[in-house]
Amino acid sequence: MSKANSRVEAFKYVDRAIRLQLSEDAALSEVEECLNKALKLDPDSVEALQEAAHFYDAVMPNARKARRYAVICREKASKVVGEMEEILAQ
């Protein structure tokens, strides 16, 4: 699978995880599985990392996992901000 296709598939899993959390009868294990699949497909996905950090912080509390995903997300997001700053500086 190409990197672009992996990113699209990862986004689909993030979207599914969000939709499951908004539903009345969602199984948390299914949400977690979607987030894990998204991160496996695209470990650099800021969206997946952010959603995983929120999930483990507020929905299925696990402070260690929430912090780990938050740290990685901040690192990846900082890189994106730097790239955007370079574009804006042109």
Protein backbone atom coordinates (compact mmCIF):
# COMPACT_ATOMS: atom_id res chain seq x y z
CA MET A 1 0.00 0.00 0.00
CA SER A 2 1.36 3.43 -0.91
CA LYS A 3 2.00 6.03 1.78
CA ALA A 4 -0.86 8.16 0.43
CA ASN A 5 -3.26 5.21 0.59
CA SER A 6 -2.07 4.38 4.10
CA ARG A 7 -2.79 7.94 5.20
CA VAL A 8 -6.30 7.80 3.72
CA GLU A 9 -7.02 4.47 5.37
CA ALA A 10 -5.67 5.75 8.69
CA PHE A 11 -7.93 8.78 8.47
CA LYS A 12 -10.91 6.48 7.89
CA TYR A 13 -10.09 4.61 11.10
CA VAL A 14 -9.77 7.88 13.04
CA ASP A 15 -13.13 8.99 11.66
CA ARG A 16 -14.67 5.66 12.66
CA ALA A 17 -13.22 5.94 16.16
CA ILE A 18 -14.75 9.39 16.56
CA ARG A 19 -18.13 8.24 15.24
CA LEU A 20 -18.10 5.24 17.58
CA GLN A 21 -17.41 7.47 20.57
CA LEU A 22 -20.39 9.63 19.64
CA SER A 23 -22.74 6.67 19.39
CA GLU A 24 -24.75 5.43 22.34
CA ASP A 25 -23.70 1.79 22.21
CA ALA A 26 -20.03 1.97 21.25
CA ALA A 27 -17.66 -0.65 22.58
CA LEU A 28 -14.53 1.07 23.86
CA SER A 29 -12.46 -1.86 22.64
CA GLU A 30 -13.65 -1.16 19.10
CA VAL A 31 -12.69 2.51 19.40
CA GLU A 32 -9.27 1.50 20.70
CA GLU A 33 -8.86 -1.00 17.87
CA CYS A 34 -9.64 1.70 15.28
CA LEU A 35 -7.10 4.07 16.81
CA ASN A 36 -4.45 1.34 16.90
CA LYS A 37 -5.09 0.50 13.24
CA ALA A 38 -4.87 4.16 12.28
CA LEU A 39 -1.56 4.55 14.08
CA LYS A 40 -0.18 1.38 12.56
CA LEU A 41 -1.06 2.62 9.07
CA ASP A 42 0.24 6.15 9.68
CA PRO A 43 2.34 6.56 12.82
CA ASP A 44 2.93 10.23 11.93
CA SER A 45 -0.76 11.12 11.82
CA VAL A 46 -1.27 14.11 14.10
CA GLU A 47 -5.03 13.46 13.98
CA ALA A 48 -4.66 9.83 15.12
CA LEU A 49 -2.16 10.73 17.83
CA GLN A 50 -4.36 13.55 19.10
CA GLU A 51 -7.44 11.35 19.14
CA ALA A 52 -5.56 8.58 20.95
CA ALA A 53 -4.29 11.04 23.57
CA HIS A 54 -7.82 12.34 24.19
CA PHE A 55 -9.25 8.80 24.24
CA TYR A 56 -6.81 7.61 26.90
CA ASP A 57 -7.14 10.84 28.84
CA ALA A 58 -10.92 11.15 29.05
CA VAL A 59 -12.75 8.14 27.62
CA MET A 60 -10.72 5.10 28.65
CA PRO A 61 -8.40 6.59 31.27
CA ASN A 62 -4.82 5.44 31.03
CA ALA A 63 -2.51 8.29 32.01
CA ARG A 64 0.63 6.58 30.72
CA LYS A 65 -0.80 6.04 27.23
CA ALA A 66 -2.44 9.48 27.14
CA ARG A 67 0.87 11.13 27.99
CA ARG A 68 2.84 9.01 25.50
CA TYR A 69 0.51 9.89 22.63
CA ALA A 70 0.37 13.55 23.68
CA VAL A 71 4.18 13.80 23.66
CA ILE A 72 4.46 12.23 20.21
CA CYS A 73 1.58 14.34 18.90
CA ARG A 74 3.22 17.55 20.15
CA GLU A 75 6.48 16.56 18.44
CA LYS A 76 4.75 15.83 15.11
CA ALA A 77 2.56 18.94 15.33
CA SER A 78 5.62 21.11 16.03
CA LYS A 79 7.18 19.80 12.84
CA VAL A 80 4.04 20.71 10.89
CA VAL A 81 4.00 24.20 12.42
CA GLY A 82 7.64 24.64 11.40
CA GLU A 83 6.82 23.62 7.83
CA MET A 84 3.92 26.09 7.72
CA GLU A 85 6.14 28.87 9.10
CA GLU A 86 8.59 28.24 6.25
CA ILE A 87 5.80 28.55 3.68
CA LEU A 88 4.49 31.73 5.28
CA ALA A 89 7.97 33.24 5.37
CA GLN A 90 8.32 33.05 1.59
